[in-house]
Amino acid sequence: MSPSPTPLKFLFPAWYAIVMGLCGLALAWVRATPLMGDAATAAALAIGALAAAVFGVLAVATVVRGRRYPEAWAEDRRHPVRHTFIATLPIAVILLATVAVALGLAGPLVEALWAVGALAQLFVTVWVLGRWWKGNGAGGLVWASVTPALFIPIVGNVLVPLAGVPLGHAEWSAAQFGVGLLFWPVVMILIGARILTQGLWPDRLRPASFIVIAPPAVVGLAALQFGAPTLVAWALWGMAMFSFLWVGLQGRTIAALPFGLAHWGLSFPLAALAALTLRLAGPAGFMANLGVLLLALASLVIVALVLGTVRGLRDGSLLAPEPVAAIQPAPAP
């Protein structure tokens, strides 16, 4: 495929999902330190540094794109699905701060980074959900916008305590965490209703189905930060693990799809599940072994995603216009 003449124009917000996946993997490796020692910490540091470098490149490119193609940024905000991926930017900021805190690098700069990310995430959530007040017309809550990507503005809020509590902002973290808890089941119900009435989302978004793993996995990690009973985290682990088994039924279908940016939707949820499993694991036993296996799976998947992204950038298949897929209503019974 020949490269697009204006590839920067197609640097959609979803590119920040790469930073999310890398940060999630770094956090999972931090959780593996009790089992693997300093090698796990070194791996987490290297992956976190890569995530920060990718974020820096994307941030500069985003600013240049905004100045050179303002109409493309406006289209992102209007798009029924793409607008939800705008939340990946503040989530990436929150996760970078979280990785720094987990690695013992907390300080005023990291605290400021966390605060900016948390406030920006709250703003994006209000903006995304505020569109619902437009009803089911243009720019409102239409079926095209109800995909697993709608979880992204929600998941960002439940991430806030992971760094917020260690930084001494437990009250604010709890308040923003509550926003995520409020809308997580709402989005799940909407997705079920969409499948029932409209069918599944386009195949190119099928990998994003794995996002359903992220809310319970992250909520479990955050609940432990608040000092919740371990059994609460176990219940949430059960939700995340069942979600993994559930969406895993689509694995063969997803593997047969051409590689696209949506495949990065696999990365953060798998890493979050591995992190929660390792957090609940003892020094040995079933959970420790399972945690290591899930960490290996997440690591291998993300390596494959990185290689696929490099190939896509080289052949021009990623920085290109998105295909348009019409939504076909389900036939009447």
C-alpha atoms as a PDB file:
ATOM      1  CA  MET A   1       0.000   0.000   0.000  1.00  0.00           C
ATOM      2  CA  SER A   2       1.398   3.414  -0.906  1.00  0.00           C
ATOM      3  CA  PRO A   3       1.816   5.864   1.974  1.00  0.00           C
ATOM      4  CA  SER A   4      -0.784   8.578   2.433  1.00  0.00           C
ATOM      5  CA  PRO A   5       0.386  11.980   1.131  1.00  0.00           C
ATOM      6  CA  THR A   6      -0.669  13.559   4.439  1.00  0.00           C
ATOM      7  CA  PRO A   7      -0.099  10.837   7.064  1.00  0.00           C
ATOM      8  CA  LEU A   8      -0.037  13.284   9.988  1.00  0.00           C
ATOM      9  CA  LYS A   9      -3.632  14.204   9.244  1.00  0.00           C
ATOM     10  CA  PHE A  10      -4.651  10.682  10.230  1.00  0.00           C
ATOM     11  CA  LEU A  11      -2.867  10.589  13.596  1.00  0.00           C
ATOM     12  CA  PHE A  12      -6.117   9.851  15.425  1.00  0.00           C
ATOM     13  CA  PRO A  13      -6.355  10.161  19.233  1.00  0.00           C
ATOM     14  CA  ALA A  14      -6.435   6.364  19.543  1.00  0.00           C
ATOM     15  CA  TRP A  15      -2.667   6.361  19.022  1.00  0.00           C
ATOM     16  CA  TYR A  16      -2.319   7.137  22.728  1.00  0.00           C
ATOM     17  CA  ALA A  17      -3.597   3.610  23.387  1.00  0.00           C
ATOM     18  CA  ILE A  18      -0.004   2.575  22.658  1.00  0.00           C
ATOM     19  CA  VAL A  19       1.144   4.549  25.709  1.00  0.00           C
ATOM     20  CA  MET A  20      -1.671   3.010  27.755  1.00  0.00           C
ATOM     21  CA  GLY A  21      -0.607  -0.501  26.797  1.00  0.00           C
ATOM     22  CA  LEU A  22       3.070   0.097  27.522  1.00  0.00           C
ATOM     23  CA  CYS A  23       2.324   1.750  30.874  1.00  0.00           C
ATOM     24  CA  GLY A  24      -0.018  -1.071  31.830  1.00  0.00           C
ATOM     25  CA  LEU A  25       2.695  -3.590  31.015  1.00  0.00           C
ATOM     26  CA  ALA A  26       5.233  -1.633  33.070  1.00  0.00           C
ATOM     27  CA  LEU A  27       2.873  -1.686  36.055  1.00  0.00           C
ATOM     28  CA  ALA A  28       2.345  -5.427  35.651  1.00  0.00           C
ATOM     29  CA  TRP A  29       6.101  -5.996  35.693  1.00  0.00           C
ATOM     30  CA  VAL A  30       6.354  -3.907  38.870  1.00  0.00           C
ATOM     31  CA  ARG A  31       3.799  -6.259  40.455  1.00  0.00           C
ATOM     32  CA  ALA A  32       6.028  -9.182  39.424  1.00  0.00           C
ATOM     33  CA  THR A  33       8.975  -7.890  41.481  1.00  0.00           C
ATOM     34  CA  PRO A  34       8.164 -10.004  44.584  1.00  0.00           C
ATOM     35  CA  LEU A  35       8.326 -13.115  42.382  1.00  0.00           C
ATOM     36  CA  MET A  36      11.133 -12.195  39.981  1.00  0.00           C
ATOM     37  CA  GLY A  37      13.233  -9.709  41.911  1.00  0.00           C
ATOM     38  CA  ASP A  38      15.154  -6.760  40.501  1.00  0.00           C
ATOM     39  CA  ALA A  39      14.948  -8.053  36.925  1.00  0.00           C
ATOM     40  CA  ALA A  40      11.205  -7.345  36.923  1.00  0.00           C
ATOM     41  CA  THR A  41      11.803  -3.817  38.207  1.00  0.00           C
ATOM     42  CA  ALA A  42      14.423  -3.230  35.519  1.00  0.00           C
ATOM     43  CA  ALA A  43      11.984  -4.449  32.863  1.00  0.00           C
ATOM     44  CA  ALA A  44       9.296  -2.124  34.241  1.00  0.00           C
ATOM     45  CA  LEU A  45      11.710   0.810  34.147  1.00  0.00           C
ATOM     46  CA  ALA A  46      12.692   0.100  30.534  1.00  0.00           C
ATOM     47  CA  ILE A  47       9.070  -0.288  29.411  1.00  0.00           C
ATOM     48  CA  GLY A  48       8.050   2.847  31.307  1.00  0.00           C
ATOM     49  CA  ALA A  49      10.850   4.813  29.647  1.00  0.00           C
ATOM     50  CA  LEU A  50       9.680   3.576  26.237  1.00  0.00           C
ATOM     51  CA  ALA A  51       6.125   4.641  27.084  1.00  0.00           C
ATOM     52  CA  ALA A  52       7.329   8.122  28.041  1.00  0.00           C
ATOM     53  CA  ALA A  53       9.308   8.404  24.799  1.00  0.00           C
ATOM     54  CA  VAL A  54       6.307   7.320  22.703  1.00  0.00           C
ATOM     55  CA  PHE A  55       4.129   9.803  24.559  1.00  0.00           C
ATOM     56  CA  GLY A  56       6.598  12.599  23.850  1.00  0.00           C
ATOM     57  CA  VAL A  57       6.646  11.826  20.128  1.00  0.00           C
ATOM     58  CA  LEU A  58       2.851  11.593  19.978  1.00  0.00           C
ATOM     59  CA  ALA A  59       2.379  14.810  21.955  1.00  0.00           C
ATOM     60  CA  VAL A  60       4.606  16.791  19.585  1.00  0.00           C
ATOM     61  CA  ALA A  61       2.933  15.213  16.552  1.00  0.00           C
ATOM     62  CA  THR A  62      -0.518  15.976  17.995  1.00  0.00           C
ATOM     63  CA  VAL A  63       0.334  19.659  18.423  1.00  0.00           C
ATOM     64  CA  VAL A  64       1.714  19.861  14.873  1.00  0.00           C
ATOM     65  CA  ARG A  65      -1.358  18.057  13.530  1.00  0.00           C
ATOM     66  CA  GLY A  66      -3.684  20.414  15.387  1.00  0.00           C
ATOM     67  CA  ARG A  67      -2.015  23.431  13.815  1.00  0.00           C
ATOM     68  CA  ARG A  68      -1.654  21.991  10.335  1.00  0.00           C
ATOM     69  CA  TYR A  69      -4.990  20.165  10.108  1.00  0.00           C
ATOM     70  CA  PRO A  70      -7.461  21.813  12.490  1.00  0.00           C
ATOM     71  CA  GLU A  71     -10.361  20.355  10.527  1.00  0.00           C
ATOM     72  CA  ALA A  72      -9.073  16.834  11.279  1.00  0.00           C
ATOM     73  CA  TRP A  73      -9.136  17.552  15.023  1.00  0.00           C
ATOM     74  CA  ALA A  74     -12.660  18.939  14.673  1.00  0.00           C
ATOM     75  CA  GLU A  75     -13.706  15.769  12.838  1.00  0.00           C
ATOM     76  CA  ASP A  76     -12.278  13.650  15.673  1.00  0.00           C
ATOM     77  CA  ARG A  77     -14.504  15.489  18.126  1.00  0.00           C
ATOM     78  CA  ARG A  78     -17.594  15.022  15.951  1.00  0.00           C
ATOM     79  CA  HIS A  79     -16.994  11.383  15.071  1.00  0.00           C
ATOM     80  CA  PRO A  80     -19.462   8.997  16.795  1.00  0.00           C
ATOM     81  CA  VAL A  81     -16.734   6.534  17.848  1.00  0.00           C
ATOM     82  CA  ARG A  82     -13.433   8.365  17.533  1.00  0.00           C
ATOM     83  CA  HIS A  83     -14.398  11.071  20.032  1.00  0.00           C
ATOM     84  CA  THR A  84     -14.273   8.536  22.888  1.00  0.00           C
ATOM     85  CA  PHE A  85     -10.602   7.848  22.128  1.00  0.00           C
ATOM     86  CA  ILE A  86      -9.750  11.444  23.036  1.00  0.00           C
ATOM     87  CA  ALA A  87      -9.791  10.138  26.611  1.00  0.00           C
ATOM     88  CA  THR A  88      -6.694   8.061  25.851  1.00  0.00           C
ATOM     89  CA  LEU A  89      -4.594  11.242  26.033  1.00  0.00           C
ATOM     90  CA  PRO A  90      -5.312  12.149  29.696  1.00  0.00           C
ATOM     91  CA  ILE A  91      -5.313   8.443  30.596  1.00  0.00           C
ATOM     92  CA  ALA A  92      -1.800   8.186  29.172  1.00  0.00           C
ATOM     93  CA  VAL A  93      -0.746  11.094  31.390  1.00  0.00           C
ATOM     94  CA  ILE A  94      -2.300   9.471  34.473  1.00  0.00           C
ATOM     95  CA  LEU A  95      -0.596   6.169  33.697  1.00  0.00           C
ATOM     96  CA  LEU A  96       2.810   7.756  33.177  1.00  0.00           C
ATOM     97  CA  ALA A  97       2.502   9.320  36.625  1.00  0.00           C
ATOM     98  CA  THR A  98       1.332   5.984  38.038  1.00  0.00           C
ATOM     99  CA  VAL A  99       4.336   4.147  36.611  1.00  0.00           C
ATOM    100  CA  ALA A 100       6.658   6.778  38.095  1.00  0.00           C
ATOM    101  CA  VAL A 101       5.042   6.401  41.533  1.00  0.00           C
ATOM    102  CA  ALA A 102       5.178   2.594  41.333  1.00  0.00           C
ATOM    103  CA  LEU A 103       8.905   2.800  40.539  1.00  0.00           C
ATOM    104  CA  GLY A 104       9.561   5.095  43.499  1.00  0.00           C
ATOM    105  CA  LEU A 105      10.082   8.201  41.382  1.00  0.00           C
ATOM    106  CA  ALA A 106       7.373  10.344  42.989  1.00  0.00           C
ATOM    107  CA  GLY A 107       8.039  14.060  43.320  1.00  0.00           C
ATOM    108  CA  PRO A 108       6.497  17.463  42.568  1.00  0.00           C
ATOM    109  CA  LEU A 109       6.739  16.947  38.796  1.00  0.00           C
ATOM    110  CA  VAL A 110       5.046  13.543  38.970  1.00  0.00           C
ATOM    111  CA  GLU A 111       2.374  14.915  41.284  1.00  0.00           C
ATOM    112  CA  ALA A 112       1.711  17.778  38.869  1.00  0.00           C
ATOM    113  CA  LEU A 113       1.555  15.290  35.979  1.00  0.00           C
ATOM    114  CA  TRP A 114      -0.993  13.198  37.883  1.00  0.00           C
ATOM    115  CA  ALA A 115      -3.105  16.252  38.746  1.00  0.00           C
ATOM    116  CA  VAL A 116      -3.161  17.483  35.146  1.00  0.00           C
ATOM    117  CA  GLY A 117      -4.084  14.027  33.897  1.00  0.00           C
ATOM    118  CA  ALA A 118      -6.825  13.529  36.500  1.00  0.00           C
ATOM    119  CA  LEU A 119      -8.446  16.905  35.850  1.00  0.00           C
ATOM    120  CA  ALA A 120      -8.193  16.513  32.080  1.00  0.00           C
ATOM    121  CA  GLN A 121      -9.731  13.050  32.332  1.00  0.00           C
ATOM    122  CA  LEU A 122     -12.639  14.387  34.365  1.00  0.00           C
ATOM    123  CA  PHE A 123     -13.192  17.134  31.795  1.00  0.00           C
ATOM    124  CA  VAL A 124     -13.156  14.639  28.910  1.00  0.00           C
ATOM    125  CA  THR A 125     -15.604  12.375  30.743  1.00  0.00           C
ATOM    126  CA  VAL A 126     -18.014  15.268  31.293  1.00  0.00           C
ATOM    127  CA  TRP A 127     -17.663  16.256  27.643  1.00  0.00           C
ATOM    128  CA  VAL A 128     -18.207  12.711  26.293  1.00  0.00           C
ATOM    129  CA  LEU A 129     -21.192  11.986  28.516  1.00  0.00           C
ATOM    130  CA  GLY A 130     -22.513  15.507  28.013  1.00  0.00           C
ATOM    131  CA  ARG A 131     -23.140  14.588  24.382  1.00  0.00           C
ATOM    132  CA  TRP A 132     -25.856  12.231  25.616  1.00  0.00           C
ATOM    133  CA  TRP A 133     -28.055  15.229  26.460  1.00  0.00           C
ATOM    134  CA  LYS A 134     -28.396  15.804  22.719  1.00  0.00           C
ATOM    135  CA  GLY A 135     -30.596  12.719  22.601  1.00  0.00           C
ATOM    136  CA  ASN A 136     -30.321  10.096  19.880  1.00  0.00           C
ATOM    137  CA  GLY A 137     -29.797  12.578  17.074  1.00  0.00           C
ATOM    138  CA  ALA A 138     -26.616  13.852  15.440  1.00  0.00           C
ATOM    139  CA  GLY A 139     -23.830  14.300  17.983  1.00  0.00           C
ATOM    140  CA  GLY A 140     -25.800  12.488  20.671  1.00  0.00           C
ATOM    141  CA  LEU A 141     -26.001   8.921  21.915  1.00  0.00           C
ATOM    142  CA  VAL A 142     -26.483   7.016  18.675  1.00  0.00           C
ATOM    143  CA  TRP A 143     -25.923   3.286  18.279  1.00  0.00           C
ATOM    144  CA  ALA A 144     -22.747   3.877  16.273  1.00  0.00           C
ATOM    145  CA  SER A 145     -21.123   5.374  19.371  1.00  0.00           C
ATOM    146  CA  VAL A 146     -21.990   2.427  21.618  1.00  0.00           C
ATOM    147  CA  THR A 147     -18.894   0.241  21.327  1.00  0.00           C
ATOM    148  CA  PRO A 148     -16.402  -1.008  23.937  1.00  0.00           C
ATOM    149  CA  ALA A 149     -14.442   2.202  23.253  1.00  0.00           C
ATOM    150  CA  LEU A 150     -17.108   3.955  25.324  1.00  0.00           C
ATOM    151  CA  PHE A 151     -15.494   2.359  28.375  1.00  0.00           C
ATOM    152  CA  ILE A 152     -12.338   4.421  27.855  1.00  0.00           C
ATOM    153  CA  PRO A 153     -13.617   7.690  29.389  1.00  0.00           C
ATOM    154  CA  ILE A 154     -14.915   5.606  32.312  1.00  0.00           C
ATOM    155  CA  VAL A 155     -11.778   3.529  32.923  1.00  0.00           C
ATOM    156  CA  GLY A 156      -9.696   6.683  33.114  1.00  0.00           C
ATOM    157  CA  ASN A 157     -11.486   7.754  36.283  1.00  0.00           C
ATOM    158  CA  VAL A 158     -10.969   4.478  38.140  1.00  0.00           C
ATOM    159  CA  LEU A 159      -7.234   4.723  37.355  1.00  0.00           C
ATOM    160  CA  VAL A 160      -6.845   7.932  39.338  1.00  0.00           C
ATOM    161  CA  PRO A 161      -6.376   6.284  42.790  1.00  0.00           C
ATOM    162  CA  LEU A 162      -3.434   4.124  41.658  1.00  0.00           C
ATOM    163  CA  ALA A 163      -1.115   7.116  41.947  1.00  0.00           C
ATOM    164  CA  GLY A 164      -3.455   9.515  43.765  1.00  0.00           C
ATOM    165  CA  VAL A 165      -3.591   7.545  47.020  1.00  0.00           C
ATOM    166  CA  PRO A 166       0.218   7.133  47.389  1.00  0.00           C
ATOM    167  CA  LEU A 167       0.595  10.833  46.539  1.00  0.00           C
ATOM    168  CA  GLY A 168      -1.713  11.758  49.424  1.00  0.00           C
ATOM    169  CA  HIS A 169      -4.856  12.633  47.491  1.00  0.00           C
ATOM    170  CA  ALA A 170      -7.113   9.820  48.676  1.00  0.00           C
ATOM    171  CA  GLU A 171     -10.264  11.935  48.969  1.00  0.00           C
ATOM    172  CA  TRP A 172     -10.108  13.346  45.445  1.00  0.00           C
ATOM    173  CA  SER A 173      -9.109   9.942  44.109  1.00  0.00           C
ATOM    174  CA  ALA A 174     -12.149   8.371  45.773  1.00  0.00           C
ATOM    175  CA  ALA A 175     -14.455  11.017  44.331  1.00  0.00           C
ATOM    176  CA  GLN A 176     -13.220  10.518  40.771  1.00  0.00           C
ATOM    177  CA  PHE A 177     -13.155   6.756  41.283  1.00  0.00           C
ATOM    178  CA  GLY A 178     -16.871   7.015  42.083  1.00  0.00           C
ATOM    179  CA  VAL A 179     -17.549   8.547  38.681  1.00  0.00           C
ATOM    180  CA  GLY A 180     -16.128   5.448  37.023  1.00  0.00           C
ATOM    181  CA  LEU A 181     -18.131   3.132  39.289  1.00  0.00           C
ATOM    182  CA  LEU A 182     -21.325   5.013  38.430  1.00  0.00           C
ATOM    183  CA  PHE A 183     -21.026   4.708  34.657  1.00  0.00           C
ATOM    184  CA  TRP A 184     -19.218   1.367  34.257  1.00  0.00           C
ATOM    185  CA  PRO A 185     -22.435  -0.717  34.518  1.00  0.00           C
ATOM    186  CA  VAL A 186     -24.342   1.873  32.474  1.00  0.00           C
ATOM    187  CA  VAL A 187     -21.978   1.415  29.538  1.00  0.00           C
ATOM    188  CA  MET A 188     -22.119  -2.368  29.912  1.00  0.00           C
ATOM    189  CA  ILE A 189     -25.914  -2.290  29.661  1.00  0.00           C
ATOM    190  CA  LEU A 190     -25.756  -0.014  26.621  1.00  0.00           C
ATOM    191  CA  ILE A 191     -23.371  -2.397  24.876  1.00  0.00           C
ATOM    192  CA  GLY A 192     -25.695  -5.325  25.546  1.00  0.00           C
ATOM    193  CA  ALA A 193     -28.630  -3.327  24.180  1.00  0.00           C
ATOM    194  CA  ARG A 194     -26.638  -2.399  21.075  1.00  0.00           C
ATOM    195  CA  ILE A 195     -25.763  -6.052  20.389  1.00  0.00           C
ATOM    196  CA  LEU A 196     -29.400  -7.057  20.879  1.00  0.00           C
ATOM    197  CA  THR A 197     -30.872  -4.411  18.595  1.00  0.00           C
ATOM    198  CA  GLN A 198     -28.111  -3.544  16.110  1.00  0.00           C
ATOM    199  CA  GLY A 199     -25.649  -6.393  16.203  1.00  0.00           C
ATOM    200  CA  LEU A 200     -21.903  -6.164  16.796  1.00  0.00           C
ATOM    201  CA  TRP A 201     -19.712  -3.220  15.912  1.00  0.00           C
ATOM    202  CA  PRO A 202     -17.600  -3.357  12.705  1.00  0.00           C
ATOM    203  CA  ASP A 203     -14.948  -6.076  12.547  1.00  0.00           C
ATOM    204  CA  ARG A 204     -12.118  -3.556  12.531  1.00  0.00           C
ATOM    205  CA  LEU A 205     -13.217  -2.578  16.075  1.00  0.00           C
ATOM    206  CA  ARG A 206     -13.519  -6.195  17.227  1.00  0.00           C
ATOM    207  CA  PRO A 207     -10.179  -6.142  19.148  1.00  0.00           C
ATOM    208  CA  ALA A 208     -11.588  -3.316  21.290  1.00  0.00           C
ATOM    209  CA  SER A 209     -13.946  -5.909  22.793  1.00  0.00           C
ATOM    210  CA  PHE A 210     -11.101  -6.764  25.193  1.00  0.00           C
ATOM    211  CA  ILE A 211     -11.624  -3.404  26.891  1.00  0.00           C
ATOM    212  CA  VAL A 212     -14.413  -5.007  28.950  1.00  0.00           C
ATOM    213  CA  ILE A 213     -11.635  -6.663  30.988  1.00  0.00           C
ATOM    214  CA  ALA A 214     -10.159  -3.345  32.095  1.00  0.00           C
ATOM    215  CA  PRO A 215     -12.840  -1.880  34.416  1.00  0.00           C
ATOM    216  CA  PRO A 216     -13.004  -4.765  36.919  1.00  0.00           C
ATOM    217  CA  ALA A 217      -9.234  -5.287  36.814  1.00  0.00           C
ATOM    218  CA  VAL A 218      -8.442  -1.631  37.489  1.00  0.00           C
ATOM    219  CA  VAL A 219     -11.231  -1.259  40.056  1.00  0.00           C
ATOM    220  CA  GLY A 220      -9.739  -4.233  41.903  1.00  0.00           C
ATOM    221  CA  LEU A 221      -6.293  -2.635  41.969  1.00  0.00           C
ATOM    222  CA  ALA A 222      -7.730   0.709  43.066  1.00  0.00           C
ATOM    223  CA  ALA A 223      -9.879  -0.888  45.768  1.00  0.00           C
ATOM    224  CA  LEU A 224      -6.735  -2.384  47.324  1.00  0.00           C
ATOM    225  CA  GLN A 225      -5.142   1.068  47.299  1.00  0.00           C
ATOM    226  CA  PHE A 226      -8.067   2.285  49.397  1.00  0.00           C
ATOM    227  CA  GLY A 227      -7.543  -0.568  51.848  1.00  0.00           C
ATOM    228  CA  ALA A 228     -10.650  -2.492  50.808  1.00  0.00           C
ATOM    229  CA  PRO A 229     -11.005  -6.085  52.057  1.00  0.00           C
ATOM    230  CA  THR A 230      -9.054  -8.538  49.953  1.00  0.00           C
ATOM    231  CA  LEU A 231     -12.247 -10.455  49.201  1.00  0.00           C
ATOM    232  CA  VAL A 232     -13.567  -7.400  47.343  1.00  0.00           C
ATOM    233  CA  ALA A 233     -10.507  -7.484  45.100  1.00  0.00           C
ATOM    234  CA  TRP A 234     -10.998 -11.208  44.602  1.00  0.00           C
ATOM    235  CA  ALA A 235     -14.586 -10.603  43.480  1.00  0.00           C
ATOM    236  CA  LEU A 236     -13.378  -8.028  40.978  1.00  0.00           C
ATOM    237  CA  TRP A 237     -10.630 -10.387  39.835  1.00  0.00           C
ATOM    238  CA  GLY A 238     -13.350 -12.956  39.175  1.00  0.00           C
ATOM    239  CA  MET A 239     -15.209 -10.416  37.013  1.00  0.00           C
ATOM    240  CA  ALA A 240     -12.032  -9.565  35.099  1.00  0.00           C
ATOM    241  CA  MET A 241     -11.039 -13.193  34.627  1.00  0.00           C
ATOM    242  CA  PHE A 242     -14.507 -14.151  33.412  1.00  0.00           C
ATOM    243  CA  SER A 243     -14.443 -11.181  31.026  1.00  0.00           C
ATOM    244  CA  PHE A 244     -11.099 -12.429  29.719  1.00  0.00           C
ATOM    245  CA  LEU A 245     -12.515 -15.907  29.104  1.00  0.00           C
ATOM    246  CA  TRP A 246     -15.645 -14.416  27.552  1.00  0.00           C
ATOM    247  CA  VAL A 247     -13.961 -12.106  25.054  1.00  0.00           C
ATOM    248  CA  GLY A 248     -11.287 -14.724  24.487  1.00  0.00           C
ATOM    249  CA  LEU A 249     -13.887 -16.612  22.470  1.00  0.00           C
ATOM    250  CA  GLN A 250     -13.282 -13.966  19.792  1.00  0.00           C
ATOM    251  CA  GLY A 251      -9.547 -14.623  19.710  1.00  0.00           C
ATOM    252  CA  ARG A 252      -9.563 -16.618  16.474  1.00  0.00           C
ATOM    253  CA  THR A 253     -11.724 -14.015  14.723  1.00  0.00           C
ATOM    254  CA  ILE A 254      -9.481 -11.176  15.877  1.00  0.00           C
ATOM    255  CA  ALA A 255      -6.323 -13.021  14.853  1.00  0.00           C
ATOM    256  CA  ALA A 256      -7.690 -13.329  11.307  1.00  0.00           C
ATOM    257  CA  LEU A 257      -8.275  -9.585  10.950  1.00  0.00           C
ATOM    258  CA  PRO A 258      -5.794  -7.279   9.198  1.00  0.00           C
ATOM    259  CA  PHE A 259      -3.698  -5.419  11.758  1.00  0.00           C
ATOM    260  CA  GLY A 260      -5.038  -2.018  12.751  1.00  0.00           C
ATOM    261  CA  LEU A 261      -4.711   0.500  15.540  1.00  0.00           C
ATOM    262  CA  ALA A 262      -7.739  -1.042  17.264  1.00  0.00           C
ATOM    263  CA  HIS A 263      -5.594  -4.090  18.060  1.00  0.00           C
ATOM    264  CA  TRP A 264      -3.939  -1.993  20.765  1.00  0.00           C
ATOM    265  CA  GLY A 265      -7.238  -2.407  22.614  1.00  0.00           C
ATOM    266  CA  LEU A 266      -5.872  -5.820  23.621  1.00  0.00           C
ATOM    267  CA  SER A 267      -2.849  -4.413  25.427  1.00  0.00           C
ATOM    268  CA  PHE A 268      -3.925  -2.473  28.495  1.00  0.00           C
ATOM    269  CA  PRO A 269      -6.739  -4.852  29.560  1.00  0.00           C
ATOM    270  CA  LEU A 270      -4.421  -7.893  29.424  1.00  0.00           C
ATOM    271  CA  ALA A 271      -1.752  -6.014  31.369  1.00  0.00           C
ATOM    272  CA  ALA A 272      -4.278  -4.848  33.976  1.00  0.00           C
ATOM    273  CA  LEU A 273      -5.529  -8.408  34.490  1.00  0.00           C
ATOM    274  CA  ALA A 274      -1.950  -9.624  34.907  1.00  0.00           C
ATOM    275  CA  ALA A 275      -1.231  -6.833  37.399  1.00  0.00           C
ATOM    276  CA  LEU A 276      -4.277  -7.655  39.551  1.00  0.00           C
ATOM    277  CA  THR A 277      -3.490 -11.386  39.462  1.00  0.00           C
ATOM    278  CA  LEU A 278       0.081 -10.745  40.586  1.00  0.00           C
ATOM    279  CA  ARG A 279      -1.145  -8.334  43.258  1.00  0.00           C
ATOM    280  CA  LEU A 280      -3.340 -11.067  44.747  1.00  0.00           C
ATOM    281  CA  ALA A 281      -0.735 -13.816  44.358  1.00  0.00           C
ATOM    282  CA  GLY A 282       1.357 -15.149  47.187  1.00  0.00           C
ATOM    283  CA  PRO A 283       5.035 -16.056  46.904  1.00  0.00           C
ATOM    284  CA  ALA A 284       4.057 -19.360  45.270  1.00  0.00           C
ATOM    285  CA  GLY A 285       1.051 -21.381  44.253  1.00  0.00           C
ATOM    286  CA  PHE A 286      -1.618 -21.264  41.589  1.00  0.00           C
ATOM    287  CA  MET A 287      -2.129 -17.481  41.485  1.00  0.00           C
ATOM    288  CA  ALA A 288       1.601 -16.816  41.266  1.00  0.00           C
ATOM    289  CA  ASN A 289       1.923 -19.185  38.323  1.00  0.00           C
ATOM    290  CA  LEU A 290      -1.194 -17.790  36.678  1.00  0.00           C
ATOM    291  CA  GLY A 291       0.072 -14.237  37.167  1.00  0.00           C
ATOM    292  CA  VAL A 292       3.363 -15.086  35.467  1.00  0.00           C
ATOM    293  CA  LEU A 293       1.504 -16.732  32.573  1.00  0.00           C
ATOM    294  CA  LEU A 294      -0.776 -13.711  32.136  1.00  0.00           C
ATOM    295  CA  LEU A 295       2.232 -11.392  32.320  1.00  0.00           C
ATOM    296  CA  ALA A 296       3.960 -13.454  29.619  1.00  0.00           C
ATOM    297  CA  LEU A 297       0.801 -13.343  27.484  1.00  0.00           C
ATOM    298  CA  ALA A 298       0.473  -9.571  27.859  1.00  0.00           C
ATOM    299  CA  SER A 299       4.168  -9.101  27.081  1.00  0.00           C
ATOM    300  CA  LEU A 300       4.050 -11.278  23.961  1.00  0.00           C
ATOM    301  CA  VAL A 301       0.878  -9.607  22.713  1.00  0.00           C
ATOM    302  CA  ILE A 302       2.378  -6.144  23.169  1.00  0.00           C
ATOM    303  CA  VAL A 303       5.606  -7.156  21.416  1.00  0.00           C
ATOM    304  CA  ALA A 304       3.471  -8.386  18.520  1.00  0.00           C
ATOM    305  CA  LEU A 305       1.522  -5.119  18.547  1.00  0.00           C
ATOM    306  CA  VAL A 306       4.722  -3.079  18.464  1.00  0.00           C
ATOM    307  CA  LEU A 307       5.996  -5.095  15.492  1.00  0.00           C
ATOM    308  CA  GLY A 308       2.639  -4.753  13.740  1.00  0.00           C
ATOM    309  CA  THR A 309       2.679  -1.008  14.327  1.00  0.00           C
ATOM    310  CA  VAL A 310       6.186  -0.678  12.904  1.00  0.00           C
ATOM    311  CA  ARG A 311       5.125  -2.612   9.812  1.00  0.00           C
ATOM    312  CA  GLY A 312       1.958  -0.524   9.478  1.00  0.00           C
ATOM    313  CA  LEU A 313       3.930   2.700   9.655  1.00  0.00           C
ATOM    314  CA  ARG A 314       6.409   1.408   7.110  1.00  0.00           C
ATOM    315  CA  ASP A 315       3.788   0.374   4.561  1.00  0.00           C
ATOM    316  CA  GLY A 316       1.427   3.301   5.218  1.00  0.00           C
ATOM    317  CA  SER A 317      -1.548   1.191   6.284  1.00  0.00           C
ATOM    318  CA  LEU A 318      -1.983   2.891   9.688  1.00  0.00           C
ATOM    319  CA  LEU A 319      -1.699   6.628   9.061  1.00  0.00           C
ATOM    320  CA  ALA A 320      -4.480   6.512   6.498  1.00  0.00           C
ATOM    321  CA  PRO A 321      -8.213   7.321   6.337  1.00  0.00           C
ATOM    322  CA  GLU A 322     -10.449   4.983   8.293  1.00  0.00           C
ATOM    323  CA  PRO A 323     -12.796   2.797   6.257  1.00  0.00           C
ATOM    324  CA  VAL A 324     -16.445   3.702   6.614  1.00  0.00           C
ATOM    325  CA  ALA A 325     -18.721   0.889   7.717  1.00  0.00           C
ATOM    326  CA  ALA A 326     -22.473   1.301   7.640  1.00  0.00           C
ATOM    327  CA  ILE A 327     -24.460  -0.019  10.588  1.00  0.00           C
ATOM    328  CA  GLN A 328     -27.143  -2.432   9.513  1.00  0.00           C
ATOM    329  CA  PRO A 329     -30.093  -2.668  11.908  1.00  0.00           C
ATOM    330  CA  ALA A 330     -31.011  -6.149  13.005  1.00  0.00           C
ATOM    331  CA  PRO A 331     -33.948  -7.630  11.058  1.00  0.00           C
ATOM    332  CA  ALA A 332     -37.308  -7.434  12.712  1.00  0.00           C
ATOM    333  CA  PRO A 333     -38.447 -10.677  14.337  1.00  0.00           C
END
